Amino acid sequence: MSGVELDWSSAEVHDGKLEVGLRGEMPRGWKDSFERTVGLLGAGRWGGVELKKGRVRVGEVAEGDESRVHHFLESVVLQANSAHEAPEPEDGEDADEPEEEELDGVDAEMTERFRSLGGDSSD
């Protein structure tokens, strides 16, 4: 793996807010590149996109937005990666796994659709 990747298997939607984890080491300046790209592409439609503690947070997603949000976030990460060289992976590097929370209703349905967009995420 080279660069930072979205971990769609970690995607969760709560009250219409999406959070997706990141995999890989963020080189110096990567977060700035990510935020600059979000600004250039304009994510206002979804209530803002931010990067905090290794997770991408999207303020407002609605049912039916999954493919567009997926494409947007993948594009932002690809652009941020293209501005930086990928660091060499270190042996034994594991990300902390967040606790799974019980989801229901529309949030659960959107969570599953976002997770399925990641394809085969088993490592």
N, C-alpha and C. Protein backbone atom coordinates (compact mmCIF):
# COMPACT_ATOMS: atom_id res chain seq x y z
N MET A 1 0.85 -1.18 0.00
CA MET A 1 0.00 0.00 0.00
C MET A 1 0.88 1.23 0.00
N SER A 2 0.53 2.19 -0.82
CA SER A 2 1.29 3.44 -0.79
C SER A 2 0.35 4.58 -0.53
N GLY A 3 0.79 5.50 0.32
CA GLY A 3 -0.03 6.65 0.64
C GLY A 3 -1.12 6.34 1.63
N VAL A 4 -1.96 7.33 1.82
CA VAL A 4 -3.07 7.22 2.77
C VAL A 4 -4.29 6.72 2.00
N GLU A 5 -5.09 5.88 2.64
CA GLU A 5 -6.29 5.34 2.02
C GLU A 5 -7.46 5.49 2.98
N LEU A 6 -8.64 5.64 2.42
CA LEU A 6 -9.86 5.61 3.23
C LEU A 6 -10.16 4.16 3.59
N ASP A 7 -10.51 3.91 4.83
CA ASP A 7 -10.87 2.57 5.29
C ASP A 7 -12.39 2.48 5.34
N TRP A 8 -13.00 2.17 4.20
CA TRP A 8 -14.45 2.15 4.10
C TRP A 8 -15.08 1.12 5.02
N SER A 9 -14.35 0.11 5.42
CA SER A 9 -14.92 -0.88 6.34
C SER A 9 -15.16 -0.27 7.72
N SER A 10 -14.55 0.89 8.00
CA SER A 10 -14.75 1.56 9.28
C SER A 10 -15.82 2.65 9.21
N ALA A 11 -16.44 2.83 8.04
CA ALA A 11 -17.42 3.90 7.85
C ALA A 11 -18.61 3.72 8.79
N GLU A 12 -19.02 4.83 9.39
CA GLU A 12 -20.20 4.83 10.26
C GLU A 12 -20.98 6.12 10.03
N VAL A 13 -22.30 5.99 10.02
CA VAL A 13 -23.18 7.14 9.92
C VAL A 13 -24.01 7.21 11.19
N HIS A 14 -23.96 8.35 11.87
CA HIS A 14 -24.76 8.61 13.07
C HIS A 14 -25.44 9.95 12.88
N ASP A 15 -26.76 9.94 12.98
CA ASP A 15 -27.54 11.18 12.84
C ASP A 15 -27.16 11.94 11.56
N GLY A 16 -26.93 11.19 10.48
CA GLY A 16 -26.62 11.80 9.20
C GLY A 16 -25.19 12.30 9.06
N LYS A 17 -24.34 12.00 10.03
CA LYS A 17 -22.92 12.40 9.98
C LYS A 17 -22.08 11.15 9.70
N LEU A 18 -21.25 11.26 8.66
CA LEU A 18 -20.39 10.15 8.26
C LEU A 18 -19.00 10.31 8.85
N GLU A 19 -18.44 9.20 9.35
CA GLU A 19 -17.03 9.15 9.75
C GLU A 19 -16.40 7.95 9.07
N VAL A 20 -15.22 8.18 8.49
CA VAL A 20 -14.46 7.12 7.82
C VAL A 20 -13.02 7.22 8.30
N GLY A 21 -12.47 6.09 8.71
CA GLY A 21 -11.07 6.07 9.15
C GLY A 21 -10.12 6.11 7.97
N LEU A 22 -8.87 6.43 8.28
CA LEU A 22 -7.81 6.43 7.28
C LEU A 22 -6.79 5.37 7.63
N ARG A 23 -6.19 4.79 6.60
CA ARG A 23 -5.09 3.84 6.76
C ARG A 23 -3.84 4.45 6.17
N GLY A 24 -2.73 4.17 6.80
CA GLY A 24 -1.45 4.65 6.28
C GLY A 24 -0.94 5.84 7.06
N GLU A 25 0.34 6.09 6.90
CA GLU A 25 1.01 7.20 7.59
C GLU A 25 0.80 8.49 6.82
N MET A 26 0.31 9.52 7.50
CA MET A 26 0.15 10.82 6.86
C MET A 26 1.47 11.58 6.93
N PRO A 27 2.09 11.85 5.78
CA PRO A 27 3.33 12.62 5.80
C PRO A 27 3.06 14.07 6.20
N ARG A 28 4.10 14.75 6.60
CA ARG A 28 3.99 16.16 6.98
C ARG A 28 3.33 16.94 5.84
N GLY A 29 2.34 17.73 6.18
CA GLY A 29 1.65 18.55 5.19
C GLY A 29 0.47 17.87 4.51
N TRP A 30 0.28 16.57 4.74
CA TRP A 30 -0.79 15.84 4.06
C TRP A 30 -2.15 16.40 4.45
N LYS A 31 -2.35 16.66 5.74
CA LYS A 31 -3.63 17.19 6.21
C LYS A 31 -3.92 18.53 5.54
N ASP A 32 -2.91 19.39 5.40
CA ASP A 32 -3.10 20.67 4.71
C ASP A 32 -3.53 20.46 3.26
N SER A 33 -2.90 19.50 2.59
CA SER A 33 -3.26 19.19 1.21
C SER A 33 -4.70 18.68 1.13
N PHE A 34 -5.08 17.83 2.08
CA PHE A 34 -6.44 17.31 2.14
C PHE A 34 -7.43 18.46 2.29
N GLU A 35 -7.19 19.33 3.27
CA GLU A 35 -8.11 20.44 3.54
C GLU A 35 -8.18 21.43 2.38
N ARG A 36 -7.04 21.69 1.75
CA ARG A 36 -7.01 22.60 0.60
C ARG A 36 -7.83 22.02 -0.56
N THR A 37 -7.70 20.73 -0.78
CA THR A 37 -8.45 20.07 -1.85
C THR A 37 -9.94 20.09 -1.57
N VAL A 38 -10.32 19.83 -0.32
CA VAL A 38 -11.74 19.91 0.05
C VAL A 38 -12.27 21.31 -0.26
N GLY A 39 -11.49 22.33 0.08
CA GLY A 39 -11.90 23.70 -0.19
C GLY A 39 -12.05 23.99 -1.67
N LEU A 40 -11.12 23.48 -2.46
CA LEU A 40 -11.16 23.72 -3.90
C LEU A 40 -12.33 23.00 -4.57
N LEU A 41 -12.59 21.78 -4.12
CA LEU A 41 -13.68 21.00 -4.73
C LEU A 41 -15.05 21.38 -4.16
N GLY A 42 -15.07 22.02 -3.01
CA GLY A 42 -16.32 22.48 -2.42
C GLY A 42 -17.19 21.38 -1.87
N ALA A 43 -17.15 21.16 -0.59
CA ALA A 43 -17.93 20.11 0.06
C ALA A 43 -19.09 20.67 0.86
N GLY A 44 -19.45 21.91 0.61
CA GLY A 44 -20.52 22.54 1.38
C GLY A 44 -21.85 21.82 1.32
N ARG A 45 -22.08 21.12 0.23
CA ARG A 45 -23.33 20.38 0.06
C ARG A 45 -23.57 19.39 1.19
N TRP A 46 -22.48 18.86 1.74
CA TRP A 46 -22.59 17.85 2.79
C TRP A 46 -22.29 18.43 4.17
N GLY A 47 -22.43 19.71 4.34
CA GLY A 47 -22.26 20.31 5.66
C GLY A 47 -20.83 20.38 6.12
N GLY A 48 -19.89 20.30 5.22
CA GLY A 48 -18.49 20.41 5.58
C GLY A 48 -17.81 19.07 5.74
N VAL A 49 -16.53 19.05 5.40
CA VAL A 49 -15.71 17.85 5.51
C VAL A 49 -14.47 18.24 6.28
N GLU A 50 -14.14 17.47 7.31
CA GLU A 50 -12.94 17.77 8.09
C GLU A 50 -12.20 16.49 8.43
N LEU A 51 -10.94 16.68 8.79
CA LEU A 51 -10.07 15.57 9.15
C LEU A 51 -9.64 15.77 10.59
N LYS A 52 -10.02 14.81 11.46
CA LYS A 52 -9.66 14.89 12.87
C LYS A 52 -9.30 13.51 13.38
N LYS A 53 -8.15 13.43 14.03
CA LYS A 53 -7.70 12.19 14.68
C LYS A 53 -7.74 10.99 13.74
N GLY A 54 -7.26 11.19 12.52
CA GLY A 54 -7.17 10.08 11.58
C GLY A 54 -8.50 9.61 11.02
N ARG A 55 -9.53 10.44 11.15
CA ARG A 55 -10.84 10.11 10.61
C ARG A 55 -11.38 11.29 9.82
N VAL A 56 -12.00 10.98 8.70
CA VAL A 56 -12.66 12.00 7.89
C VAL A 56 -14.10 12.10 8.37
N ARG A 57 -14.53 13.32 8.62
CA ARG A 57 -15.90 13.55 9.10
C ARG A 57 -16.65 14.40 8.08
N VAL A 58 -17.82 13.92 7.70
CA VAL A 58 -18.68 14.63 6.75
C VAL A 58 -19.94 15.01 7.52
N GLY A 59 -20.24 16.32 7.56
CA GLY A 59 -21.28 16.86 8.42
C GLY A 59 -22.70 16.42 8.13
N GLU A 60 -23.08 16.29 6.87
CA GLU A 60 -24.47 15.98 6.55
C GLU A 60 -24.53 15.11 5.30
N VAL A 61 -24.83 13.85 5.49
CA VAL A 61 -25.07 12.99 4.33
C VAL A 61 -26.52 12.54 4.37
N ALA A 62 -27.10 12.39 3.20
CA ALA A 62 -28.49 11.95 3.10
C ALA A 62 -28.53 10.65 2.32
N GLU A 63 -29.58 9.92 2.54
CA GLU A 63 -29.76 8.67 1.81
C GLU A 63 -29.72 8.97 0.32
N GLY A 64 -28.93 8.20 -0.42
CA GLY A 64 -28.75 8.41 -1.85
C GLY A 64 -27.46 9.14 -2.19
N ASP A 65 -26.80 9.73 -1.17
CA ASP A 65 -25.54 10.46 -1.39
C ASP A 65 -24.31 9.56 -1.38
N GLU A 66 -24.47 8.29 -1.04
CA GLU A 66 -23.32 7.43 -0.79
C GLU A 66 -22.30 7.41 -1.93
N SER A 67 -22.74 7.20 -3.14
CA SER A 67 -21.79 7.12 -4.27
C SER A 67 -21.08 8.44 -4.52
N ARG A 68 -21.82 9.55 -4.45
CA ARG A 68 -21.21 10.86 -4.68
C ARG A 68 -20.21 11.21 -3.58
N VAL A 69 -20.55 10.93 -2.32
CA VAL A 69 -19.63 11.21 -1.22
C VAL A 69 -18.40 10.32 -1.33
N HIS A 70 -18.61 9.05 -1.66
CA HIS A 70 -17.50 8.11 -1.84
C HIS A 70 -16.54 8.64 -2.90
N HIS A 71 -17.06 9.01 -4.04
CA HIS A 71 -16.22 9.51 -5.14
C HIS A 71 -15.49 10.80 -4.72
N PHE A 72 -16.21 11.70 -4.08
CA PHE A 72 -15.61 12.96 -3.63
C PHE A 72 -14.45 12.69 -2.67
N LEU A 73 -14.67 11.88 -1.65
CA LEU A 73 -13.62 11.63 -0.66
C LEU A 73 -12.44 10.88 -1.26
N GLU A 74 -12.70 9.91 -2.13
CA GLU A 74 -11.60 9.20 -2.79
C GLU A 74 -10.78 10.17 -3.63
N SER A 75 -11.44 11.11 -4.30
CA SER A 75 -10.73 12.10 -5.11
C SER A 75 -9.87 13.02 -4.25
N VAL A 76 -10.39 13.44 -3.11
CA VAL A 76 -9.64 14.31 -2.20
C VAL A 76 -8.40 13.59 -1.69
N VAL A 77 -8.56 12.33 -1.27
CA VAL A 77 -7.42 11.56 -0.75
C VAL A 77 -6.40 11.32 -1.85
N LEU A 78 -6.84 10.99 -3.04
CA LEU A 78 -5.93 10.78 -4.17
C LEU A 78 -5.11 12.03 -4.44
N GLN A 79 -5.77 13.19 -4.45
CA GLN A 79 -5.06 14.45 -4.70
C GLN A 79 -4.05 14.75 -3.58
N ALA A 80 -4.46 14.55 -2.33
CA ALA A 80 -3.55 14.79 -1.19
C ALA A 80 -2.35 13.85 -1.28
N ASN A 81 -2.59 12.60 -1.67
CA ASN A 81 -1.49 11.64 -1.81
C ASN A 81 -0.55 12.05 -2.94
N SER A 82 -1.11 12.57 -4.02
CA SER A 82 -0.27 12.92 -5.17
C SER A 82 0.68 14.08 -4.84
N ALA A 83 0.35 14.85 -3.81
CA ALA A 83 1.20 15.97 -3.41
C ALA A 83 2.33 15.55 -2.47
N HIS A 84 2.33 14.28 -2.06
CA HIS A 84 3.32 13.81 -1.08
C HIS A 84 3.83 12.42 -1.44
N GLU A 85 5.06 12.18 -1.13
CA GLU A 85 5.60 10.84 -1.30
C GLU A 85 5.10 9.97 -0.17
N ALA A 86 4.78 8.73 -0.49
CA ALA A 86 4.31 7.81 0.54
C ALA A 86 5.48 7.36 1.40
N PRO A 87 5.28 7.34 2.73
CA PRO A 87 6.34 6.86 3.61
C PRO A 87 6.46 5.34 3.52
N GLU A 88 7.62 4.83 3.88
CA GLU A 88 7.82 3.38 3.93
C GLU A 88 7.04 2.82 5.12
N PRO A 89 6.27 1.72 4.92
CA PRO A 89 5.53 1.14 6.04
C PRO A 89 6.49 0.55 7.08
N GLU A 90 6.10 0.66 8.33
CA GLU A 90 6.90 0.10 9.41
C GLU A 90 6.32 -1.25 9.82
N ASP A 91 7.18 -2.19 10.19
CA ASP A 91 6.73 -3.51 10.64
C ASP A 91 5.91 -3.38 11.92
N GLY A 92 4.84 -4.18 12.00
CA GLY A 92 4.03 -4.22 13.20
C GLY A 92 3.16 -3.01 13.41
N GLU A 93 2.94 -2.21 12.39
CA GLU A 93 2.14 -0.99 12.52
C GLU A 93 0.66 -1.35 12.47
N ASP A 94 -0.08 -1.07 13.54
CA ASP A 94 -1.51 -1.34 13.60
C ASP A 94 -2.24 -0.09 14.06
N ALA A 95 -3.35 0.20 13.40
CA ALA A 95 -4.19 1.32 13.82
C ALA A 95 -5.10 0.84 14.94
N ASP A 96 -5.41 1.72 15.88
CA ASP A 96 -6.36 1.39 16.93
C ASP A 96 -7.73 1.22 16.30
N GLU A 97 -8.40 0.14 16.65
CA GLU A 97 -9.72 -0.13 16.12
C GLU A 97 -10.77 0.51 17.02
N PRO A 98 -11.66 1.32 16.45
CA PRO A 98 -12.73 1.90 17.27
C PRO A 98 -13.74 0.82 17.65
N GLU A 99 -14.42 1.01 18.78
CA GLU A 99 -15.43 0.06 19.22
C GLU A 99 -16.62 0.13 18.29
N GLU A 100 -17.20 -1.04 18.00
CA GLU A 100 -18.40 -1.09 17.18
C GLU A 100 -19.59 -0.67 18.03
N GLU A 101 -20.48 0.10 17.44
CA GLU A 101 -21.66 0.59 18.12
C GLU A 101 -22.88 0.08 17.39
N GLU A 102 -23.94 -0.25 18.11
CA GLU A 102 -25.18 -0.73 17.52
C GLU A 102 -25.86 0.40 16.74
N LEU A 103 -26.16 0.16 15.47
CA LEU A 103 -26.81 1.16 14.62
C LEU A 103 -28.15 0.62 14.17
N ASP A 104 -29.09 1.53 13.90
CA ASP A 104 -30.37 1.11 13.38
C ASP A 104 -30.94 2.15 12.43
N GLY A 105 -31.98 1.77 11.71
CA GLY A 105 -32.67 2.70 10.82
C GLY A 105 -31.84 3.14 9.63
N VAL A 106 -32.09 4.37 9.21
CA VAL A 106 -31.44 4.93 8.03
C VAL A 106 -29.93 5.01 8.22
N ASP A 107 -29.46 5.36 9.43
CA ASP A 107 -28.02 5.42 9.69
C ASP A 107 -27.37 4.06 9.42
N ALA A 108 -27.99 3.00 9.88
CA ALA A 108 -27.43 1.65 9.68
C ALA A 108 -27.40 1.30 8.20
N GLU A 109 -28.47 1.63 7.48
CA GLU A 109 -28.52 1.34 6.05
C GLU A 109 -27.43 2.10 5.30
N MET A 110 -27.28 3.40 5.60
CA MET A 110 -26.25 4.18 4.92
C MET A 110 -24.85 3.70 5.32
N THR A 111 -24.67 3.32 6.60
CA THR A 111 -23.38 2.77 7.04
C THR A 111 -23.01 1.57 6.19
N GLU A 112 -23.94 0.64 6.00
CA GLU A 112 -23.67 -0.56 5.20
C GLU A 112 -23.36 -0.21 3.76
N ARG A 113 -24.07 0.76 3.17
CA ARG A 113 -23.80 1.14 1.79
C ARG A 113 -22.42 1.77 1.65
N PHE A 114 -22.03 2.63 2.61
CA PHE A 114 -20.69 3.21 2.56
C PHE A 114 -19.63 2.12 2.70
N ARG A 115 -19.84 1.19 3.61
CA ARG A 115 -18.85 0.11 3.81
C ARG A 115 -18.73 -0.76 2.57
N SER A 116 -19.83 -0.99 1.87
CA SER A 116 -19.78 -1.84 0.69
C SER A 116 -19.05 -1.17 -0.46
N LEU A 117 -18.97 0.15 -0.46
CA LEU A 117 -18.27 0.88 -1.53
C LEU A 117 -16.77 0.67 -1.48
N GLY A 118 -16.27 0.22 -0.35
CA GLY A 118 -14.84 0.02 -0.20
C GLY A 118 -14.32 -1.23 -0.86
N GLY A 119 -15.21 -2.07 -1.35
CA GLY A 119 -14.77 -3.30 -2.00
C GLY A 119 -14.19 -4.26 -0.99
N ASP A 120 -13.16 -4.99 -1.39
CA ASP A 120 -12.51 -5.96 -0.52
C ASP A 120 -11.51 -5.24 0.37
N SER A 121 -11.88 -5.04 1.63
CA SER A 121 -11.00 -4.30 2.56
C SER A 121 -10.30 -5.21 3.53
N SER A 122 -10.42 -6.52 3.34
CA SER A 122 -9.74 -7.43 4.27
C SER A 122 -8.25 -7.44 3.99
N ASP A 123 -7.45 -7.23 5.03
CA ASP A 123 -5.99 -7.20 4.88
C ASP A 123 -5.38 -8.42 5.48
